[in-house]
Amino acid sequence: MAKRYELPDAAWELIKDLVSPEQKMGRPRSDDRLLLNGIFWILCSGAAWR
């Protein structure tokens, strides 16, 4: 069961091309979906930013 702060698969399919552009140089990117889920968790839980 997905948590309320986790981005559903259908929503991720709609926005993944906007937040995950092709990168040719530099270090490998972190998982954008995991990053968004972390931001949503902060917003939903009221936890303080560090």
PDB file of N, CA and C in Angstrom:
ATOM      1  N   MET A   1       0.840  -1.180   0.000  1.00  0.00           N
ATOM      2  CA  MET A   1       0.000   0.000   0.000  1.00  0.00           C
ATOM      3  C   MET A   1       0.884   1.242   0.000  1.00  0.00           C
ATOM      4  N   ALA A   2       0.609   2.141  -0.905  1.00  0.00           N
ATOM      5  CA  ALA A   2       1.403   3.359  -1.021  1.00  0.00           C
ATOM      6  C   ALA A   2       1.054   4.337   0.098  1.00  0.00           C
ATOM      7  N   LYS A   3       2.056   5.024   0.565  1.00  0.00           N
ATOM      8  CA  LYS A   3       1.842   6.051   1.576  1.00  0.00           C
ATOM      9  C   LYS A   3       1.251   7.287   0.898  1.00  0.00           C
ATOM     10  N   ARG A   4       0.663   8.170   1.665  1.00  0.00           N
ATOM     11  CA  ARG A   4       0.015   9.333   1.059  1.00  0.00           C
ATOM     12  C   ARG A   4       1.014  10.308   0.459  1.00  0.00           C
ATOM     13  N   TYR A   5       2.277  10.232   0.864  1.00  0.00           N
ATOM     14  CA  TYR A   5       3.280  11.142   0.326  1.00  0.00           C
ATOM     15  C   TYR A   5       4.042  10.548  -0.862  1.00  0.00           C
ATOM     16  N   GLU A   6       3.773   9.309  -1.227  1.00  0.00           N
ATOM     17  CA  GLU A   6       4.459   8.692  -2.358  1.00  0.00           C
ATOM     18  C   GLU A   6       3.738   9.020  -3.660  1.00  0.00           C
ATOM     19  N   LEU A   7       4.502   9.391  -4.660  1.00  0.00           N
ATOM     20  CA  LEU A   7       3.959   9.751  -5.962  1.00  0.00           C
ATOM     21  C   LEU A   7       3.463   8.495  -6.671  1.00  0.00           C
ATOM     22  N   PRO A   8       2.186   8.463  -7.069  1.00  0.00           N
ATOM     23  CA  PRO A   8       1.655   7.286  -7.770  1.00  0.00           C
ATOM     24  C   PRO A   8       2.317   7.102  -9.140  1.00  0.00           C
ATOM     25  N   ASP A   9       2.314   5.874  -9.634  1.00  0.00           N
ATOM     26  CA  ASP A   9       2.929   5.574 -10.927  1.00  0.00           C
ATOM     27  C   ASP A   9       2.335   6.411 -12.053  1.00  0.00           C
ATOM     28  N   ALA A  10       1.021   6.587 -12.054  1.00  0.00           N
ATOM     29  CA  ALA A  10       0.367   7.352 -13.122  1.00  0.00           C
ATOM     30  C   ALA A  10       0.835   8.808 -13.122  1.00  0.00           C
ATOM     31  N   ALA A  11       0.978   9.392 -11.949  1.00  0.00           N
ATOM     32  CA  ALA A  11       1.449  10.777 -11.856  1.00  0.00           C
ATOM     33  C   ALA A  11       2.913  10.874 -12.283  1.00  0.00           C
ATOM     34  N   TRP A  12       3.726   9.906 -11.900  1.00  0.00           N
ATOM     35  CA  TRP A  12       5.137   9.914 -12.284  1.00  0.00           C
ATOM     36  C   TRP A  12       5.285   9.827 -13.799  1.00  0.00           C
ATOM     37  N   GLU A  13       4.482   9.008 -14.449  1.00  0.00           N
ATOM     38  CA  GLU A  13       4.543   8.886 -15.907  1.00  0.00           C
ATOM     39  C   GLU A  13       4.262  10.221 -16.588  1.00  0.00           C
ATOM     40  N   LEU A  14       3.394  11.034 -15.996  1.00  0.00           N
ATOM     41  CA  LEU A  14       3.057  12.328 -16.587  1.00  0.00           C
ATOM     42  C   LEU A  14       4.189  13.344 -16.465  1.00  0.00           C
ATOM     43  N   ILE A  15       4.955  13.295 -15.385  1.00  0.00           N
ATOM     44  CA  ILE A  15       5.947  14.349 -15.147  1.00  0.00           C
ATOM     45  C   ILE A  15       7.399  13.909 -15.284  1.00  0.00           C
ATOM     46  N   LYS A  16       7.657  12.623 -15.487  1.00  0.00           N
ATOM     47  CA  LYS A  16       9.050  12.159 -15.458  1.00  0.00           C
ATOM     48  C   LYS A  16       9.922  12.809 -16.526  1.00  0.00           C
ATOM     49  N   ASP A  17       9.371  13.126 -17.687  1.00  0.00           N
ATOM     50  CA  ASP A  17      10.171  13.772 -18.727  1.00  0.00           C
ATOM     51  C   ASP A  17      10.482  15.228 -18.387  1.00  0.00           C
ATOM     52  N   LEU A  18       9.662  15.846 -17.560  1.00  0.00           N
ATOM     53  CA  LEU A  18       9.893  17.234 -17.169  1.00  0.00           C
ATOM     54  C   LEU A  18      10.969  17.352 -16.100  1.00  0.00           C
ATOM     55  N   VAL A  19      11.030  16.401 -15.186  1.00  0.00           N
ATOM     56  CA  VAL A  19      11.983  16.493 -14.079  1.00  0.00           C
ATOM     57  C   VAL A  19      13.231  15.643 -14.294  1.00  0.00           C
ATOM     58  N   SER A  20      13.258  14.827 -15.323  1.00  0.00           N
ATOM     59  CA  SER A  20      14.408  13.961 -15.569  1.00  0.00           C
ATOM     60  C   SER A  20      14.950  14.132 -16.989  1.00  0.00           C
ATOM     61  N   PRO A  21      15.477  15.323 -17.315  1.00  0.00           N
ATOM     62  CA  PRO A  21      16.024  15.491 -18.659  1.00  0.00           C
ATOM     63  C   PRO A  21      17.281  14.646 -18.858  1.00  0.00           C
ATOM     64  N   GLU A  22      17.579  14.340 -20.095  1.00  0.00           N
ATOM     65  CA  GLU A  22      18.774  13.554 -20.432  1.00  0.00           C
ATOM     66  C   GLU A  22      20.020  14.341 -20.042  1.00  0.00           C
ATOM     67  N   GLN A  23      20.937  13.690 -19.347  1.00  0.00           N
ATOM     68  CA  GLN A  23      22.166  14.336 -18.903  1.00  0.00           C
ATOM     69  C   GLN A  23      23.348  13.686 -19.606  1.00  0.00           C
ATOM     70  N   LYS A  24      24.212  14.495 -20.191  1.00  0.00           N
ATOM     71  CA  LYS A  24      25.330  13.960 -20.960  1.00  0.00           C
ATOM     72  C   LYS A  24      26.658  14.018 -20.203  1.00  0.00           C
ATOM     73  N   MET A  25      26.785  14.944 -19.266  1.00  0.00           N
ATOM     74  CA  MET A  25      28.058  15.106 -18.569  1.00  0.00           C
ATOM     75  C   MET A  25      27.823  15.162 -17.059  1.00  0.00           C
ATOM     76  N   GLY A  26      28.901  15.048 -16.311  1.00  0.00           N
ATOM     77  CA  GLY A  26      28.818  15.172 -14.858  1.00  0.00           C
ATOM     78  C   GLY A  26      28.529  13.849 -14.179  1.00  0.00           C
ATOM     79  N   ARG A  27      28.322  13.941 -12.894  1.00  0.00           N
ATOM     80  CA  ARG A  27      28.065  12.728 -12.123  1.00  0.00           C
ATOM     81  C   ARG A  27      26.637  12.232 -12.358  1.00  0.00           C
ATOM     82  N   PRO A  28      26.402  10.965 -12.112  1.00  0.00           N
ATOM     83  CA  PRO A  28      25.047  10.422 -12.283  1.00  0.00           C
ATOM     84  C   PRO A  28      24.065  11.101 -11.332  1.00  0.00           C
ATOM     85  N   ARG A  29      22.862  11.314 -11.817  1.00  0.00           N
ATOM     86  CA  ARG A  29      21.829  11.965 -11.012  1.00  0.00           C
ATOM     87  C   ARG A  29      21.245  11.005  -9.989  1.00  0.00           C
ATOM     88  N   SER A  30      20.729  11.578  -8.912  1.00  0.00           N
ATOM     89  CA  SER A  30      19.968  10.793  -7.941  1.00  0.00           C
ATOM     90  C   SER A  30      18.611  10.471  -8.547  1.00  0.00           C
ATOM     91  N   ASP A  31      17.912   9.543  -7.950  1.00  0.00           N
ATOM     92  CA  ASP A  31      16.586   9.176  -8.422  1.00  0.00           C
ATOM     93  C   ASP A  31      15.618  10.327  -8.148  1.00  0.00           C
ATOM     94  N   ASP A  32      15.098  10.948  -9.214  1.00  0.00           N
ATOM     95  CA  ASP A  32      14.215  12.105  -9.070  1.00  0.00           C
ATOM     96  C   ASP A  32      12.913  11.751  -8.365  1.00  0.00           C
ATOM     97  N   ARG A  33      12.410  10.559  -8.601  1.00  0.00           N
ATOM     98  CA  ARG A  33      11.156  10.163  -7.951  1.00  0.00           C
ATOM     99  C   ARG A  33      11.356  10.035  -6.443  1.00  0.00           C
ATOM    100  N   LEU A  34      12.483   9.489  -6.036  1.00  0.00           N
ATOM    101  CA  LEU A  34      12.792   9.373  -4.613  1.00  0.00           C
ATOM    102  C   LEU A  34      12.928  10.760  -3.979  1.00  0.00           C
ATOM    103  N   LEU A  35      13.549  11.680  -4.690  1.00  0.00           N
ATOM    104  CA  LEU A  35      13.694  13.049  -4.207  1.00  0.00           C
ATOM    105  C   LEU A  35      12.329  13.716  -4.036  1.00  0.00           C
ATOM    106  N   LEU A  36      11.446  13.573  -5.020  1.00  0.00           N
ATOM    107  CA  LEU A  36      10.100  14.141  -4.918  1.00  0.00           C
ATOM    108  C   LEU A  36       9.319  13.527  -3.761  1.00  0.00           C
ATOM    109  N   ASN A  37       9.451  12.218  -3.576  1.00  0.00           N
ATOM    110  CA  ASN A  37       8.770  11.570  -2.453  1.00  0.00           C
ATOM    111  C   ASN A  37       9.272  12.131  -1.119  1.00  0.00           C
ATOM    112  N   GLY A  38      10.556  12.430  -1.035  1.00  0.00           N
ATOM    113  CA  GLY A  38      11.108  13.035   0.178  1.00  0.00           C
ATOM    114  C   GLY A  38      10.552  14.425   0.427  1.00  0.00           C
ATOM    115  N   ILE A  39      10.419  15.212  -0.632  1.00  0.00           N
ATOM    116  CA  ILE A  39       9.834  16.549  -0.504  1.00  0.00           C
ATOM    117  C   ILE A  39       8.377  16.447  -0.063  1.00  0.00           C
ATOM    118  N   PHE A  40       7.629  15.530  -0.672  1.00  0.00           N
ATOM    119  CA  PHE A  40       6.227  15.344  -0.281  1.00  0.00           C
ATOM    120  C   PHE A  40       6.115  14.891   1.173  1.00  0.00           C
ATOM    121  N   TRP A  41       7.050  14.051   1.627  1.00  0.00           N
ATOM    122  CA  TRP A  41       7.023  13.595   3.018  1.00  0.00           C
ATOM    123  C   TRP A  41       7.208  14.774   3.969  1.00  0.00           C
ATOM    124  N   ILE A  42       8.158  15.658   3.648  1.00  0.00           N
ATOM    125  CA  ILE A  42       8.380  16.847   4.478  1.00  0.00           C
ATOM    126  C   ILE A  42       7.114  17.695   4.529  1.00  0.00           C
ATOM    127  N   LEU A  43       6.490  17.906   3.367  1.00  0.00           N
ATOM    128  CA  LEU A  43       5.286  18.740   3.312  1.00  0.00           C
ATOM    129  C   LEU A  43       4.109  18.108   4.048  1.00  0.00           C
ATOM    130  N   CYS A  44       3.947  16.797   3.942  1.00  0.00           N
ATOM    131  CA  CYS A  44       2.804  16.116   4.573  1.00  0.00           C
ATOM    132  C   CYS A  44       2.995  15.905   6.069  1.00  0.00           C
ATOM    133  N   SER A  45       4.228  15.690   6.501  1.00  0.00           N
ATOM    134  CA  SER A  45       4.463  15.351   7.903  1.00  0.00           C
ATOM    135  C   SER A  45       4.684  16.570   8.792  1.00  0.00           C
ATOM    136  N   GLY A  46       5.063  17.682   8.186  1.00  0.00           N
ATOM    137  CA  GLY A  46       5.349  18.864   8.987  1.00  0.00           C
ATOM    138  C   GLY A  46       6.726  18.829   9.618  1.00  0.00           C
ATOM    139  N   ALA A  47       7.557  17.877   9.213  1.00  0.00           N
ATOM    140  CA  ALA A  47       8.919  17.792   9.742  1.00  0.00           C
ATOM    141  C   ALA A  47       9.713  19.025   9.304  1.00  0.00           C
ATOM    142  N   ALA A  48      10.667  19.426  10.120  1.00  0.00           N
ATOM    143  CA  ALA A  48      11.477  20.603   9.814  1.00  0.00           C
ATOM    144  C   ALA A  48      12.552  20.272   8.783  1.00  0.00           C
ATOM    145  N   TRP A  49      12.858  21.230   7.903  1.00  0.00           N
ATOM    146  CA  TRP A  49      13.975  21.076   6.971  1.00  0.00           C
ATOM    147  C   TRP A  49      15.258  21.164   7.780  1.00  0.00           C
ATOM    148  N   ARG A  50      16.268  20.420   7.381  1.00  0.00           N
ATOM    149  CA  ARG A  50      17.554  20.503   8.082  1.00  0.00           C
ATOM    150  C   ARG A  50      18.575  21.108   7.185  1.00  0.00           C
TER     151      ARG A  50
END
